[in-house]
PDB file of N, CA and C in Angstrom:
ATOM      1  N   MET A   1     178.141 272.568   6.045  1.00  0.00           N
ATOM      2  CA  MET A   1     176.750 272.845   5.807  1.00  0.00           C
ATOM      3  C   MET A   1     176.219 273.673   6.983  1.00  0.00           C
ATOM      4  N   TYR A   2     175.642 274.834   6.673  1.00  0.00           N
ATOM      5  CA  TYR A   2     175.161 275.744   7.701  1.00  0.00           C
ATOM      6  C   TYR A   2     173.682 276.065   7.487  1.00  0.00           C
ATOM      7  N   VAL A   3     173.022 276.393   8.565  1.00  0.00           N
ATOM      8  CA  VAL A   3     171.604 276.775   8.509  1.00  0.00           C
ATOM      9  C   VAL A   3     171.418 277.953   7.565  1.00  0.00           C
ATOM     10  N   LYS A   4     172.306 278.924   7.616  1.00  0.00           N
ATOM     11  CA  LYS A   4     172.182 280.122   6.777  1.00  0.00           C
ATOM     12  C   LYS A   4     172.090 279.794   5.290  1.00  0.00           C
ATOM     13  N   ASP A   5     172.649 278.643   4.906  1.00  0.00           N
ATOM     14  CA  ASP A   5     172.606 278.242   3.505  1.00  0.00           C
ATOM     15  C   ASP A   5     171.244 277.693   3.084  1.00  0.00           C
ATOM     16  N   TYR A   6     170.387 277.398   4.046  1.00  0.00           N
ATOM     17  CA  TYR A   6     169.081 276.800   3.755  1.00  0.00           C
ATOM     18  C   TYR A   6     167.897 277.603   4.276  1.00  0.00           C
ATOM     19  N   MET A   7     168.165 278.671   4.993  1.00  0.00           N
ATOM     20  CA  MET A   7     167.068 279.441   5.590  1.00  0.00           C
ATOM     21  C   MET A   7     166.340 280.274   4.542  1.00  0.00           C
ATOM     22  N   LYS A   8     165.107 280.579   4.866  1.00  0.00           N
ATOM     23  CA  LYS A   8     164.306 281.467   4.034  1.00  0.00           C
ATOM     24  C   LYS A   8     164.342 282.847   4.660  1.00  0.00           C
ATOM     25  N   THR A   9     164.372 283.868   3.858  1.00  0.00           N
ATOM     26  CA  THR A   9     164.295 285.232   4.373  1.00  0.00           C
ATOM     27  C   THR A   9     162.946 285.820   3.993  1.00  0.00           C
ATOM     28  N   GLY A  10     162.606 286.927   4.602  1.00  0.00           N
ATOM     29  CA  GLY A  10     161.330 287.551   4.300  1.00  0.00           C
ATOM     30  C   GLY A  10     160.156 286.753   4.830  1.00  0.00           C
ATOM     31  N   SER A  11     160.310 286.176   6.009  1.00  0.00           N
ATOM     32  CA  SER A  11     159.241 285.374   6.598  1.00  0.00           C
ATOM     33  C   SER A  11     157.992 286.208   6.834  1.00  0.00           C
ATOM     34  N   LEU A  12     156.863 285.550   6.742  1.00  0.00           N
ATOM     35  CA  LEU A  12     155.593 286.226   6.987  1.00  0.00           C
ATOM     36  C   LEU A  12     155.369 286.346   8.485  1.00  0.00           C
ATOM     37  N   VAL A  13     154.953 287.523   8.903  1.00  0.00           N
ATOM     38  CA  VAL A  13     154.718 287.762  10.322  1.00  0.00           C
ATOM     39  C   VAL A  13     153.290 288.212  10.545  1.00  0.00           C
ATOM     40  N   ILE A  14     152.836 288.022  11.779  1.00  0.00           N
ATOM     41  CA  ILE A  14     151.527 288.503  12.207  1.00  0.00           C
ATOM     42  C   ILE A  14     151.663 288.962  13.653  1.00  0.00           C
ATOM     43  N   GLU A  15     150.967 290.027  13.994  1.00  0.00           N
ATOM     44  CA  GLU A  15     151.025 290.545  15.361  1.00  0.00           C
ATOM     45  C   GLU A  15     150.213 289.673  16.301  1.00  0.00           C
ATOM     46  N   LYS A  16     150.658 289.601  17.551  1.00  0.00           N
ATOM     47  CA  LYS A  16     150.011 288.731  18.532  1.00  0.00           C
ATOM     48  C   LYS A  16     148.558 289.114  18.802  1.00  0.00           C
ATOM     49  N   GLY A  17     148.157 290.337  18.530  1.00  0.00           N
ATOM     50  CA  GLY A  17     146.795 290.791  18.789  1.00  0.00           C
ATOM     51  C   GLY A  17     145.800 290.485  17.682  1.00  0.00           C
ATOM     52  N   LYS A  18     146.261 289.927  16.576  1.00  0.00           N
ATOM     53  CA  LYS A  18     145.370 289.608  15.459  1.00  0.00           C
ATOM     54  C   LYS A  18     144.575 288.342  15.768  1.00  0.00           C
ATOM     55  N   THR A  19     143.487 288.141  15.037  1.00  0.00           N
ATOM     56  CA  THR A  19     142.631 286.974  15.260  1.00  0.00           C
ATOM     57  C   THR A  19     143.125 285.769  14.471  1.00  0.00           C
ATOM     58  N   LEU A  20     142.609 284.614  14.839  1.00  0.00           N
ATOM     59  CA  LEU A  20     142.913 283.392  14.105  1.00  0.00           C
ATOM     60  C   LEU A  20     142.414 283.518  12.668  1.00  0.00           C
ATOM     61  N   GLU A  21     141.289 284.169  12.489  1.00  0.00           N
ATOM     62  CA  GLU A  21     140.754 284.401  11.141  1.00  0.00           C
ATOM     63  C   GLU A  21     141.738 285.225  10.314  1.00  0.00           C
ATOM     64  N   ASP A  22     142.319 286.271  10.915  1.00  0.00           N
ATOM     65  CA  ASP A  22     143.324 287.078  10.220  1.00  0.00           C
ATOM     66  C   ASP A  22     144.511 286.218   9.791  1.00  0.00           C
ATOM     67  N   ALA A  23     144.943 285.330  10.686  1.00  0.00           N
ATOM     68  CA  ALA A  23     146.089 284.464  10.393  1.00  0.00           C
ATOM     69  C   ALA A  23     145.773 283.537   9.222  1.00  0.00           C
ATOM     70  N   VAL A  24     144.597 282.920   9.249  1.00  0.00           N
ATOM     71  CA  VAL A  24     144.220 281.990   8.181  1.00  0.00           C
ATOM     72  C   VAL A  24     144.129 282.731   6.847  1.00  0.00           C
ATOM     73  N   LYS A  25     143.516 283.903   6.854  1.00  0.00           N
ATOM     74  CA  LYS A  25     143.405 284.691   5.622  1.00  0.00           C
ATOM     75  C   LYS A  25     144.780 284.996   5.046  1.00  0.00           C
ATOM     76  N   GLN A  26     145.696 285.417   5.900  1.00  0.00           N
ATOM     77  CA  GLN A  26     147.042 285.761   5.448  1.00  0.00           C
ATOM     78  C   GLN A  26     147.765 284.522   4.913  1.00  0.00           C
ATOM     79  N   MET A  27     147.605 283.400   5.588  1.00  0.00           N
ATOM     80  CA  MET A  27     148.256 282.171   5.146  1.00  0.00           C
ATOM     81  C   MET A  27     147.725 281.729   3.779  1.00  0.00           C
ATOM     82  N   VAL A  28     146.423 281.854   3.572  1.00  0.00           N
ATOM     83  CA  VAL A  28     145.821 281.473   2.298  1.00  0.00           C
ATOM     84  C   VAL A  28     146.279 282.428   1.194  1.00  0.00           C
ATOM     85  N   GLU A  29     146.225 283.727   1.470  1.00  0.00           N
ATOM     86  CA  GLU A  29     146.626 284.728   0.480  1.00  0.00           C
ATOM     87  C   GLU A  29     148.083 284.566   0.056  1.00  0.00           C
ATOM     88  N   LYS A  30     148.936 284.301   1.017  1.00  0.00           N
ATOM     89  CA  LYS A  30     150.377 284.205   0.749  1.00  0.00           C
ATOM     90  C   LYS A  30     150.835 282.772   0.473  1.00  0.00           C
ATOM     91  N   ARG A  31     149.883 281.831   0.517  1.00  0.00           N
ATOM     92  CA  ARG A  31     150.189 280.410   0.265  1.00  0.00           C
ATOM     93  C   ARG A  31     151.323 279.936   1.174  1.00  0.00           C
ATOM     94  N   SER A  32     151.122 280.168   2.462  1.00  0.00           N
ATOM     95  CA  SER A  32     152.139 279.815   3.456  1.00  0.00           C
ATOM     96  C   SER A  32     151.549 278.875   4.494  1.00  0.00           C
ATOM     97  N   ASN A  33     152.381 278.006   5.045  1.00  0.00           N
ATOM     98  CA  ASN A  33     151.953 277.093   6.101  1.00  0.00           C
ATOM     99  C   ASN A  33     152.324 277.590   7.485  1.00  0.00           C
ATOM    100  N   THR A  34     153.084 278.688   7.556  1.00  0.00           N
ATOM    101  CA  THR A  34     153.590 279.170   8.840  1.00  0.00           C
ATOM    102  C   THR A  34     153.624 280.688   8.872  1.00  0.00           C
ATOM    103  N   LEU A  35     153.254 281.238  10.017  1.00  0.00           N
ATOM    104  CA  LEU A  35     153.418 282.667  10.278  1.00  0.00           C
ATOM    105  C   LEU A  35     154.233 282.815  11.562  1.00  0.00           C
ATOM    106  N   ILE A  36     155.154 283.751  11.569  1.00  0.00           N
ATOM    107  CA  ILE A  36     155.897 284.078  12.783  1.00  0.00           C
ATOM    108  C   ILE A  36     155.086 285.121  13.538  1.00  0.00           C
ATOM    109  N   VAL A  37     154.794 284.853  14.799  1.00  0.00           N
ATOM    110  CA  VAL A  37     154.033 285.795  15.627  1.00  0.00           C
ATOM    111  C   VAL A  37     155.026 286.754  16.268  1.00  0.00           C
ATOM    112  N   VAL A  38     154.736 288.062  16.108  1.00  0.00           N
ATOM    113  CA  VAL A  38     155.630 289.085  16.655  1.00  0.00           C
ATOM    114  C   VAL A  38     154.916 289.902  17.712  1.00  0.00           C
ATOM    115  N   ASP A  39     155.730 290.573  18.529  1.00  0.00           N
ATOM    116  CA  ASP A  39     155.239 291.340  19.670  1.00  0.00           C
ATOM    117  C   ASP A  39     154.500 292.611  19.263  1.00  0.00           C
ATOM    118  N   GLY A  40     154.832 293.208  18.160  1.00  0.00           N
ATOM    119  CA  GLY A  40     154.165 294.432  17.736  1.00  0.00           C
ATOM    120  C   GLY A  40     154.814 295.007  16.495  1.00  0.00           C
ATOM    121  N   LYS A  41     154.234 296.117  16.000  1.00  0.00           N
ATOM    122  CA  LYS A  41     154.752 296.742  14.785  1.00  0.00           C
ATOM    123  C   LYS A  41     156.111 297.404  15.009  1.00  0.00           C
ATOM    124  N   GLU A  42     156.272 298.061  16.136  1.00  0.00           N
ATOM    125  CA  GLU A  42     157.498 298.817  16.372  1.00  0.00           C
ATOM    126  C   GLU A  42     158.650 297.935  16.830  1.00  0.00           C
ATOM    127  N   HIS A  43     158.364 297.010  17.698  1.00  0.00           N
ATOM    128  CA  HIS A  43     159.392 296.114  18.221  1.00  0.00           C
ATOM    129  C   HIS A  43     159.123 294.720  17.688  1.00  0.00           C
ATOM    130  N   ILE A  44     159.631 294.454  16.506  1.00  0.00           N
ATOM    131  CA  ILE A  44     159.346 293.174  15.862  1.00  0.00           C
ATOM    132  C   ILE A  44     160.213 292.090  16.490  1.00  0.00           C
ATOM    133  N   LYS A  45     159.688 291.556  17.578  1.00  0.00           N
ATOM    134  CA  LYS A  45     160.379 290.499  18.311  1.00  0.00           C
ATOM    135  C   LYS A  45     159.580 289.207  18.143  1.00  0.00           C
ATOM    136  N   PRO A  46     160.171 288.172  17.549  1.00  0.00           N
ATOM    137  CA  PRO A  46     159.447 286.907  17.399  1.00  0.00           C
ATOM    138  C   PRO A  46     159.122 286.307  18.769  1.00  0.00           C
ATOM    139  N   ILE A  47     157.858 285.927  18.945  1.00  0.00           N
ATOM    140  CA  ILE A  47     157.459 285.324  20.222  1.00  0.00           C
ATOM    141  C   ILE A  47     156.805 283.955  20.027  1.00  0.00           C
ATOM    142  N   GLY A  48     156.610 283.548  18.770  1.00  0.00           N
ATOM    143  CA  GLY A  48     156.004 282.249  18.527  1.00  0.00           C
ATOM    144  C   GLY A  48     155.708 282.035  17.054  1.00  0.00           C
ATOM    145  N   MET A  49     154.975 280.954  16.788  1.00  0.00           N
ATOM    146  CA  MET A  49     154.597 280.610  15.418  1.00  0.00           C
ATOM    147  C   MET A  49     153.156 280.126  15.389  1.00  0.00           C
ATOM    148  N   VAL A  50     152.518 280.344  14.257  1.00  0.00           N
ATOM    149  CA  VAL A  50     151.219 279.740  13.967  1.00  0.00           C
ATOM    150  C   VAL A  50     151.438 278.883  12.729  1.00  0.00           C
ATOM    151  N   THR A  51     151.049 277.619  12.814  1.00  0.00           N
ATOM    152  CA  THR A  51     151.198 276.721  11.670  1.00  0.00           C
ATOM    153  C   THR A  51     149.840 276.140  11.299  1.00  0.00           C
ATOM    154  N   VAL A  52     149.771 275.574  10.112  1.00  0.00           N
ATOM    155  CA  VAL A  52     148.539 274.913   9.688  1.00  0.00           C
ATOM    156  C   VAL A  52     148.178 273.816  10.686  1.00  0.00           C
ATOM    157  N   ASN A  53     149.166 273.038  11.105  1.00  0.00           N
ATOM    158  CA  ASN A  53     148.891 271.965  12.068  1.00  0.00           C
ATOM    159  C   ASN A  53     148.390 272.496  13.399  1.00  0.00           C
ATOM    160  N   SER A  54     148.945 273.611  13.868  1.00  0.00           N
ATOM    161  CA  SER A  54     148.479 274.146  15.158  1.00  0.00           C
ATOM    162  C   SER A  54     147.036 274.628  15.057  1.00  0.00           C
ATOM    163  N   ILE A  55     146.661 275.166  13.907  1.00  0.00           N
ATOM    164  CA  ILE A  55     145.273 275.608  13.708  1.00  0.00           C
ATOM    165  C   ILE A  55     144.344 274.399  13.649  1.00  0.00           C
ATOM    166  N   ILE A  56     144.741 273.374  12.914  1.00  0.00           N
ATOM    167  CA  ILE A  56     143.911 272.163  12.813  1.00  0.00           C
ATOM    168  C   ILE A  56     143.717 271.543  14.194  1.00  0.00           C
ATOM    169  N   ASN A  57     144.768 271.505  14.996  1.00  0.00           N
ATOM    170  CA  ASN A  57     144.664 270.928  16.340  1.00  0.00           C
ATOM    171  C   ASN A  57     143.661 271.672  17.209  1.00  0.00           C
ATOM    172  N   VAL A  58     143.476 272.959  16.961  1.00  0.00           N
ATOM    173  CA  VAL A  58     142.520 273.754  17.744  1.00  0.00           C
ATOM    174  C   VAL A  58     141.118 273.621  17.181  1.00  0.00           C
ATOM    175  N   VAL A  59     140.998 273.572  15.877  1.00  0.00           N
ATOM    176  CA  VAL A  59     139.689 273.629  15.220  1.00  0.00           C
ATOM    177  C   VAL A  59     138.996 272.270  15.134  1.00  0.00           C
ATOM    178  N   VAL A  60     139.743 271.215  14.878  1.00  0.00           N
ATOM    179  CA  VAL A  60     139.136 269.885  14.709  1.00  0.00           C
ATOM    180  C   VAL A  60     138.701 269.333  16.069  1.00  0.00           C
ATOM    181  N   PRO A  61     137.445 268.942  16.197  1.00  0.00           N
ATOM    182  CA  PRO A  61     136.950 268.405  17.472  1.00  0.00           C
ATOM    183  C   PRO A  61     137.685 267.125  17.873  1.00  0.00           C
ATOM    184  N   ASP A  62     137.818 266.919  19.179  1.00  0.00           N
ATOM    185  CA  ASP A  62     138.522 265.745  19.706  1.00  0.00           C
ATOM    186  C   ASP A  62     137.940 264.426  19.203  1.00  0.00           C
ATOM    187  N   TYR A  63     136.617 264.372  19.009  1.00  0.00           N
ATOM    188  CA  TYR A  63     136.006 263.101  18.616  1.00  0.00           C
ATOM    189  C   TYR A  63     136.412 262.673  17.204  1.00  0.00           C
ATOM    190  N   LEU A  64     137.018 263.560  16.420  1.00  0.00           N
ATOM    191  CA  LEU A  64     137.484 263.188  15.088  1.00  0.00           C
ATOM    192  C   LEU A  64     138.947 262.736  15.092  1.00  0.00           C
ATOM    193  N   GLU A  65     139.559 262.742  16.273  1.00  0.00           N
ATOM    194  CA  GLU A  65     140.959 262.360  16.400  1.00  0.00           C
ATOM    195  C   GLU A  65     141.242 260.974  15.839  1.00  0.00           C
ATOM    196  N   ASP A  66     140.303 260.053  15.986  1.00  0.00           N
ATOM    197  CA  ASP A  66     140.496 258.682  15.524  1.00  0.00           C
ATOM    198  C   ASP A  66     140.170 258.495  14.043  1.00  0.00           C
ATOM    199  N   ASN A  67     139.673 259.531  13.409  1.00  0.00           N
ATOM    200  CA  ASN A  67     139.368 259.468  11.986  1.00  0.00           C
ATOM    201  C   ASN A  67     140.681 259.528  11.204  1.00  0.00           C
ATOM    202  N   PRO A  68     141.011 258.480  10.445  1.00  0.00           N
ATOM    203  CA  PRO A  68     142.316 258.447   9.748  1.00  0.00           C
ATOM    204  C   PRO A  68     142.501 259.571   8.734  1.00  0.00           C
ATOM    205  N   ASN A  69     141.415 260.048   8.160  1.00  0.00           N
ATOM    206  CA  ASN A  69     141.518 261.136   7.185  1.00  0.00           C
ATOM    207  C   ASN A  69     141.876 262.463   7.854  1.00  0.00           C
ATOM    208  N   ILE A  70     141.352 262.690   9.027  1.00  0.00           N
ATOM    209  CA  ILE A  70     141.603 263.927   9.754  1.00  0.00           C
ATOM    210  C   ILE A  70     142.891 263.855  10.549  1.00  0.00           C
ATOM    211  N   SER A  71     143.110 262.736  11.209  1.00  0.00           N
ATOM    212  CA  SER A  71     144.253 262.643  12.131  1.00  0.00           C
ATOM    213  C   SER A  71     145.594 262.781  11.430  1.00  0.00           C
ATOM    214  N   SER A  72     145.669 262.454  10.152  1.00  0.00           N
ATOM    215  CA  SER A  72     146.943 262.604   9.445  1.00  0.00           C
ATOM    216  C   SER A  72     147.335 264.061   9.308  1.00  0.00           C
ATOM    217  N   PHE A  73     146.354 264.959   9.338  1.00  0.00           N
ATOM    218  CA  PHE A  73     146.646 266.389   9.255  1.00  0.00           C
ATOM    219  C   PHE A  73     146.876 267.001  10.628  1.00  0.00           C
ATOM    220  N   ALA A  74     146.317 266.423  11.650  1.00  0.00           N
ATOM    221  CA  ALA A  74     146.315 267.049  12.964  1.00  0.00           C
ATOM    222  C   ALA A  74     147.479 266.617  13.856  1.00  0.00           C
ATOM    223  N   GLN A  75     148.482 265.996  13.296  1.00  0.00           N
ATOM    224  CA  GLN A  75     149.620 265.595  14.110  1.00  0.00           C
ATOM    225  C   GLN A  75     150.482 266.799  14.439  1.00  0.00           C
ATOM    226  N   ALA A  76     150.888 266.890  15.680  1.00  0.00           N
ATOM    227  CA  ALA A  76     151.689 268.042  16.120  1.00  0.00           C
ATOM    228  C   ALA A  76     153.137 267.833  15.814  1.00  0.00           C
TER     229      ALA A  76
END
């Protein structure tokens, strides 16, 4: 059993200079939970990821951390 047998190709990418709003729009349009962040258009070098959970962790205020409805989504 190899990773290549289970990997997805054609991953969605976003440039590091785009806004969080751009990322969310792209994720909603493409119905994706993850975007690969790349260095630029010409040199497509993966440098990170943006996920639904990472966005929730930034957007949801700390005081809602103890809310069971919210905290189930905000786990890293």
